[in-house]
Amino acid sequence: PDLSGYEKFGLGNVKYNISRIHVTAVEFPSASISLIPGTGIKLVIGNASLTIDMNWNIRTWMFKDSGRSTVYISKVFVTAIFSTPLDNMGHTSISLTSCRTTSGDIDIKLNGKS
């Protein structure tokens, strides 16, 4: 979905809109799944990265600008625990019990008119 809103900075408001958000690349160089007896499944993803392209525009009382942007997020680590209980019919269900995510680096390239 598109993101829009405004932020108040010093001398006025900055109105922004981010649209056409597309994830263009995802890498999982290190991933593992293990069983946790009596609990469920543990998923660990290490050193992942993703690239996102988008359009942006901003407007203030002094100027306006728009363009394209690429965001590269790297050194992403995820640990997730899923429980796998049986329902009344004996079928296994899955639900997220806990999730922890950290990211190391974010590189943002803005291409605009100004």
N, C-alpha and C. Protein backbone atom coordinates (compact mmCIF):
# COMPACT_ATOMS: atom_id res chain seq x y z
N PRO A 1 0.82 -1.20 0.00
CA PRO A 1 0.00 0.00 0.00
C PRO A 1 0.86 1.26 0.00
N ASP A 2 0.30 2.32 -0.53
CA ASP A 2 0.99 3.61 -0.52
C ASP A 2 1.04 4.18 0.90
N LEU A 3 2.04 5.01 1.15
CA LEU A 3 2.18 5.68 2.44
C LEU A 3 2.11 7.18 2.21
N SER A 4 1.33 7.87 3.03
CA SER A 4 1.27 9.32 2.92
C SER A 4 1.00 9.92 4.29
N GLY A 5 1.34 11.18 4.43
CA GLY A 5 1.12 11.87 5.69
C GLY A 5 1.91 13.15 5.73
N TYR A 6 2.11 13.65 6.93
CA TYR A 6 2.92 14.86 7.08
C TYR A 6 3.67 14.81 8.41
N GLU A 7 4.77 15.51 8.42
CA GLU A 7 5.61 15.63 9.60
C GLU A 7 5.87 17.11 9.83
N LYS A 8 5.94 17.51 11.09
CA LYS A 8 6.21 18.91 11.44
C LYS A 8 7.71 19.07 11.69
N PHE A 9 8.32 19.98 10.94
CA PHE A 9 9.74 20.27 11.08
C PHE A 9 9.92 21.77 11.21
N GLY A 10 10.57 22.21 12.25
CA GLY A 10 10.95 23.60 12.44
C GLY A 10 9.97 24.65 11.93
N LEU A 11 10.12 25.05 10.69
CA LEU A 11 9.37 26.17 10.13
C LEU A 11 8.04 25.77 9.49
N GLY A 12 7.71 24.49 9.48
CA GLY A 12 6.45 24.11 8.85
C GLY A 12 6.30 22.61 8.69
N ASN A 13 5.25 22.26 7.98
CA ASN A 13 4.95 20.85 7.75
C ASN A 13 5.55 20.37 6.43
N VAL A 14 5.93 19.11 6.43
CA VAL A 14 6.38 18.44 5.21
C VAL A 14 5.34 17.37 4.90
N LYS A 15 4.67 17.53 3.76
CA LYS A 15 3.69 16.54 3.32
C LYS A 15 4.41 15.57 2.39
N TYR A 16 4.20 14.25 2.59
CA TYR A 16 4.90 13.26 1.78
C TYR A 16 3.94 12.20 1.27
N ASN A 17 4.35 11.57 0.18
CA ASN A 17 3.62 10.44 -0.37
C ASN A 17 4.65 9.47 -0.95
N ILE A 18 4.54 8.21 -0.58
CA ILE A 18 5.39 7.15 -1.11
C ILE A 18 4.46 6.16 -1.80
N SER A 19 4.71 5.90 -3.09
CA SER A 19 3.81 5.04 -3.85
C SER A 19 4.59 4.05 -4.71
N ARG A 20 3.84 3.12 -5.30
CA ARG A 20 4.43 2.09 -6.18
C ARG A 20 5.60 1.39 -5.51
N ILE A 21 5.38 0.94 -4.27
CA ILE A 21 6.41 0.26 -3.49
C ILE A 21 6.52 -1.18 -3.99
N HIS A 22 7.73 -1.55 -4.42
CA HIS A 22 7.96 -2.91 -4.94
C HIS A 22 9.23 -3.48 -4.32
N VAL A 23 9.14 -4.69 -3.78
CA VAL A 23 10.31 -5.41 -3.33
C VAL A 23 10.91 -6.06 -4.58
N THR A 24 12.13 -5.66 -4.94
CA THR A 24 12.73 -6.14 -6.19
C THR A 24 13.76 -7.24 -5.99
N ALA A 25 14.24 -7.42 -4.76
CA ALA A 25 15.22 -8.48 -4.50
C ALA A 25 15.18 -8.86 -3.03
N VAL A 26 15.30 -10.16 -2.77
CA VAL A 26 15.38 -10.69 -1.41
C VAL A 26 16.43 -11.79 -1.41
N GLU A 27 17.33 -11.75 -0.43
CA GLU A 27 18.36 -12.79 -0.32
C GLU A 27 18.38 -13.35 1.09
N PHE A 28 18.40 -14.68 1.18
CA PHE A 28 18.51 -15.39 2.46
C PHE A 28 19.74 -16.28 2.40
N PRO A 29 20.95 -15.73 2.59
CA PRO A 29 22.15 -16.55 2.47
C PRO A 29 22.30 -17.59 3.59
N SER A 30 21.64 -17.36 4.70
CA SER A 30 21.73 -18.30 5.82
C SER A 30 20.35 -18.45 6.46
N ALA A 31 19.77 -19.64 6.33
CA ALA A 31 18.46 -19.90 6.93
C ALA A 31 18.43 -21.32 7.45
N SER A 32 17.79 -21.51 8.60
CA SER A 32 17.66 -22.85 9.15
C SER A 32 16.31 -23.01 9.85
N ILE A 33 15.83 -24.23 9.83
CA ILE A 33 14.59 -24.58 10.53
C ILE A 33 14.90 -25.76 11.44
N SER A 34 14.46 -25.66 12.68
CA SER A 34 14.66 -26.77 13.62
C SER A 34 13.38 -27.01 14.42
N LEU A 35 13.23 -28.23 14.89
CA LEU A 35 12.08 -28.59 15.70
C LEU A 35 12.39 -28.34 17.17
N ILE A 36 11.43 -27.81 17.89
CA ILE A 36 11.54 -27.61 19.33
C ILE A 36 10.54 -28.56 19.97
N PRO A 37 11.03 -29.63 20.61
CA PRO A 37 10.11 -30.63 21.17
C PRO A 37 9.09 -30.00 22.12
N GLY A 38 7.83 -30.36 21.91
CA GLY A 38 6.74 -29.89 22.76
C GLY A 38 6.30 -28.46 22.47
N THR A 39 6.97 -27.78 21.56
CA THR A 39 6.64 -26.39 21.26
C THR A 39 6.27 -26.19 19.81
N GLY A 40 7.18 -26.51 18.90
CA GLY A 40 6.90 -26.30 17.50
C GLY A 40 8.15 -26.18 16.66
N ILE A 41 8.24 -25.10 15.92
CA ILE A 41 9.30 -24.92 14.93
C ILE A 41 10.02 -23.60 15.18
N LYS A 42 11.34 -23.63 15.03
CA LYS A 42 12.15 -22.42 15.14
C LYS A 42 12.76 -22.12 13.77
N LEU A 43 12.56 -20.90 13.29
CA LEU A 43 13.12 -20.44 12.03
C LEU A 43 14.15 -19.37 12.32
N VAL A 44 15.35 -19.53 11.79
CA VAL A 44 16.41 -18.54 11.97
C VAL A 44 16.91 -18.13 10.59
N ILE A 45 16.88 -16.84 10.31
CA ILE A 45 17.40 -16.29 9.05
C ILE A 45 18.51 -15.33 9.42
N GLY A 46 19.68 -15.53 8.83
CA GLY A 46 20.82 -14.68 9.16
C GLY A 46 21.36 -13.95 7.95
N ASN A 47 21.76 -12.73 8.16
CA ASN A 47 22.42 -11.90 7.17
C ASN A 47 21.61 -11.76 5.87
N ALA A 48 20.31 -11.62 5.99
CA ALA A 48 19.45 -11.45 4.83
C ALA A 48 19.51 -10.00 4.34
N SER A 49 19.02 -9.79 3.12
CA SER A 49 18.96 -8.43 2.59
C SER A 49 17.76 -8.32 1.66
N LEU A 50 17.31 -7.08 1.46
CA LEU A 50 16.23 -6.84 0.51
C LEU A 50 16.38 -5.46 -0.10
N THR A 51 15.88 -5.35 -1.33
CA THR A 51 15.91 -4.10 -2.07
C THR A 51 14.48 -3.71 -2.41
N ILE A 52 14.15 -2.43 -2.16
CA ILE A 52 12.80 -1.92 -2.39
C ILE A 52 12.91 -0.68 -3.27
N ASP A 53 12.12 -0.65 -4.35
CA ASP A 53 12.03 0.54 -5.21
C ASP A 53 10.69 1.21 -4.97
N MET A 54 10.64 2.54 -5.11
CA MET A 54 9.40 3.27 -4.87
C MET A 54 9.46 4.65 -5.53
N ASN A 55 8.29 5.25 -5.70
CA ASN A 55 8.16 6.65 -6.09
C ASN A 55 7.94 7.46 -4.82
N TRP A 56 8.36 8.72 -4.82
CA TRP A 56 8.15 9.58 -3.67
C TRP A 56 7.87 11.01 -4.13
N ASN A 57 7.17 11.74 -3.31
CA ASN A 57 7.06 13.18 -3.51
C ASN A 57 6.86 13.85 -2.16
N ILE A 58 7.42 15.05 -2.05
CA ILE A 58 7.29 15.85 -0.83
C ILE A 58 6.88 17.26 -1.21
N ARG A 59 6.21 17.92 -0.28
CA ARG A 59 5.78 19.31 -0.51
C ARG A 59 5.87 20.05 0.82
N THR A 60 6.48 21.22 0.77
CA THR A 60 6.51 22.13 1.92
C THR A 60 6.01 23.48 1.44
N TRP A 61 5.95 24.46 2.32
CA TRP A 61 5.51 25.79 1.93
C TRP A 61 6.53 26.45 1.00
N MET A 62 7.81 25.95 1.02
CA MET A 62 8.87 26.56 0.20
C MET A 62 9.10 25.85 -1.13
N PHE A 63 8.96 24.54 -1.17
CA PHE A 63 9.28 23.81 -2.39
C PHE A 63 8.53 22.48 -2.44
N LYS A 64 8.60 21.88 -3.62
CA LYS A 64 8.08 20.52 -3.79
C LYS A 64 9.05 19.77 -4.68
N ASP A 65 9.11 18.45 -4.49
CA ASP A 65 10.01 17.62 -5.28
C ASP A 65 9.43 16.21 -5.34
N SER A 66 9.86 15.47 -6.34
CA SER A 66 9.41 14.08 -6.48
C SER A 66 10.47 13.31 -7.23
N GLY A 67 10.37 11.99 -7.18
CA GLY A 67 11.34 11.16 -7.88
C GLY A 67 11.18 9.69 -7.55
N ARG A 68 12.24 8.95 -7.81
CA ARG A 68 12.31 7.52 -7.51
C ARG A 68 13.31 7.31 -6.39
N SER A 69 13.14 6.21 -5.68
CA SER A 69 14.04 5.88 -4.59
C SER A 69 14.29 4.38 -4.56
N THR A 70 15.50 4.02 -4.16
CA THR A 70 15.84 2.62 -3.92
C THR A 70 16.35 2.51 -2.49
N VAL A 71 15.77 1.57 -1.75
CA VAL A 71 16.18 1.33 -0.37
C VAL A 71 16.78 -0.08 -0.31
N TYR A 72 18.00 -0.17 0.21
CA TYR A 72 18.68 -1.45 0.37
C TYR A 72 18.87 -1.69 1.86
N ILE A 73 18.28 -2.76 2.36
CA ILE A 73 18.37 -3.11 3.78
C ILE A 73 19.20 -4.38 3.87
N SER A 74 20.27 -4.36 4.67
CA SER A 74 21.14 -5.52 4.78
C SER A 74 21.40 -5.87 6.25
N LYS A 75 22.06 -6.99 6.43
CA LYS A 75 22.37 -7.52 7.77
C LYS A 75 21.09 -7.70 8.58
N VAL A 76 20.07 -8.29 7.94
CA VAL A 76 18.79 -8.54 8.60
C VAL A 76 18.84 -9.93 9.24
N PHE A 77 18.47 -9.98 10.51
CA PHE A 77 18.44 -11.24 11.25
C PHE A 77 17.04 -11.44 11.82
N VAL A 78 16.50 -12.63 11.62
CA VAL A 78 15.14 -12.95 12.08
C VAL A 78 15.18 -14.27 12.83
N THR A 79 14.55 -14.29 14.00
CA THR A 79 14.31 -15.53 14.73
C THR A 79 12.83 -15.59 15.03
N ALA A 80 12.18 -16.65 14.57
CA ALA A 80 10.73 -16.80 14.77
C ALA A 80 10.44 -18.18 15.34
N ILE A 81 9.51 -18.22 16.30
CA ILE A 81 9.05 -19.48 16.90
C ILE A 81 7.59 -19.66 16.51
N PHE A 82 7.27 -20.82 15.97
CA PHE A 82 5.90 -21.16 15.59
C PHE A 82 5.43 -22.32 16.45
N SER A 83 4.23 -22.19 17.01
CA SER A 83 3.64 -23.33 17.73
C SER A 83 2.85 -24.14 16.72
N THR A 84 2.77 -25.44 16.97
CA THR A 84 2.09 -26.35 16.03
C THR A 84 1.13 -27.27 16.78
N PRO A 85 0.10 -26.70 17.40
CA PRO A 85 -0.84 -27.54 18.15
C PRO A 85 -1.79 -28.29 17.21
N LEU A 86 -2.42 -29.33 17.75
CA LEU A 86 -3.44 -30.05 17.01
C LEU A 86 -4.80 -29.44 17.32
N ASP A 87 -5.68 -29.33 16.31
CA ASP A 87 -7.03 -28.84 16.56
C ASP A 87 -7.91 -30.00 17.00
N ASN A 88 -9.21 -29.74 17.21
CA ASN A 88 -10.14 -30.77 17.67
C ASN A 88 -10.27 -31.95 16.73
N MET A 89 -9.99 -31.74 15.46
CA MET A 89 -10.09 -32.79 14.45
C MET A 89 -8.77 -33.56 14.30
N GLY A 90 -7.74 -33.16 15.04
CA GLY A 90 -6.45 -33.82 14.95
C GLY A 90 -5.54 -33.26 13.86
N HIS A 91 -5.95 -32.15 13.24
CA HIS A 91 -5.12 -31.51 12.22
C HIS A 91 -4.16 -30.52 12.87
N THR A 92 -2.97 -30.47 12.33
CA THR A 92 -1.97 -29.54 12.85
C THR A 92 -2.26 -28.12 12.34
N SER A 93 -2.20 -27.17 13.25
CA SER A 93 -2.29 -25.77 12.86
C SER A 93 -0.95 -25.12 13.19
N ILE A 94 -0.74 -23.93 12.68
CA ILE A 94 0.52 -23.24 12.94
C ILE A 94 0.22 -21.78 13.28
N SER A 95 0.88 -21.27 14.31
CA SER A 95 0.72 -19.86 14.66
C SER A 95 2.05 -19.32 15.17
N LEU A 96 2.27 -18.05 14.90
CA LEU A 96 3.51 -17.38 15.32
C LEU A 96 3.45 -17.10 16.81
N THR A 97 4.40 -17.62 17.55
CA THR A 97 4.47 -17.42 19.00
C THR A 97 5.35 -16.22 19.34
N SER A 98 6.49 -16.11 18.68
CA SER A 98 7.37 -14.97 18.92
C SER A 98 8.20 -14.71 17.67
N CYS A 99 8.62 -13.46 17.53
CA CYS A 99 9.43 -13.07 16.38
C CYS A 99 10.33 -11.92 16.80
N ARG A 100 11.60 -12.03 16.44
CA ARG A 100 12.55 -10.96 16.72
C ARG A 100 13.33 -10.67 15.45
N THR A 101 13.38 -9.40 15.08
CA THR A 101 14.06 -8.99 13.85
C THR A 101 14.96 -7.81 14.13
N THR A 102 16.17 -7.85 13.58
CA THR A 102 17.08 -6.71 13.66
C THR A 102 17.65 -6.47 12.26
N SER A 103 17.98 -5.22 11.99
CA SER A 103 18.65 -4.90 10.72
C SER A 103 19.87 -4.06 11.02
N GLY A 104 20.90 -4.27 10.22
CA GLY A 104 22.16 -3.58 10.48
C GLY A 104 22.33 -2.30 9.69
N ASP A 105 22.14 -2.37 8.37
CA ASP A 105 22.40 -1.22 7.51
C ASP A 105 21.20 -0.92 6.63
N ILE A 106 20.94 0.37 6.42
CA ILE A 106 19.91 0.81 5.49
C ILE A 106 20.55 1.90 4.62
N ASP A 107 20.53 1.67 3.31
CA ASP A 107 21.08 2.61 2.34
C ASP A 107 19.92 3.12 1.49
N ILE A 108 19.73 4.45 1.45
CA ILE A 108 18.62 5.05 0.71
C ILE A 108 19.19 5.95 -0.38
N LYS A 109 18.79 5.69 -1.61
CA LYS A 109 19.20 6.54 -2.73
C LYS A 109 17.96 7.24 -3.26
N LEU A 110 17.99 8.58 -3.23
CA LEU A 110 16.88 9.39 -3.73
C LEU A 110 17.28 10.02 -5.06
N ASN A 111 16.44 9.86 -6.06
CA ASN A 111 16.64 10.51 -7.35
C ASN A 111 15.45 11.42 -7.57
N GLY A 112 15.71 12.72 -7.63
CA GLY A 112 14.62 13.68 -7.79
C GLY A 112 15.02 14.80 -8.73
N LYS A 113 14.15 15.75 -8.83
CA LYS A 113 14.38 16.88 -9.73
C LYS A 113 15.36 17.89 -9.14
N SER A 114 15.34 18.06 -7.83
CA SER A 114 16.23 19.06 -7.19
C SER A 114 17.58 18.48 -6.90
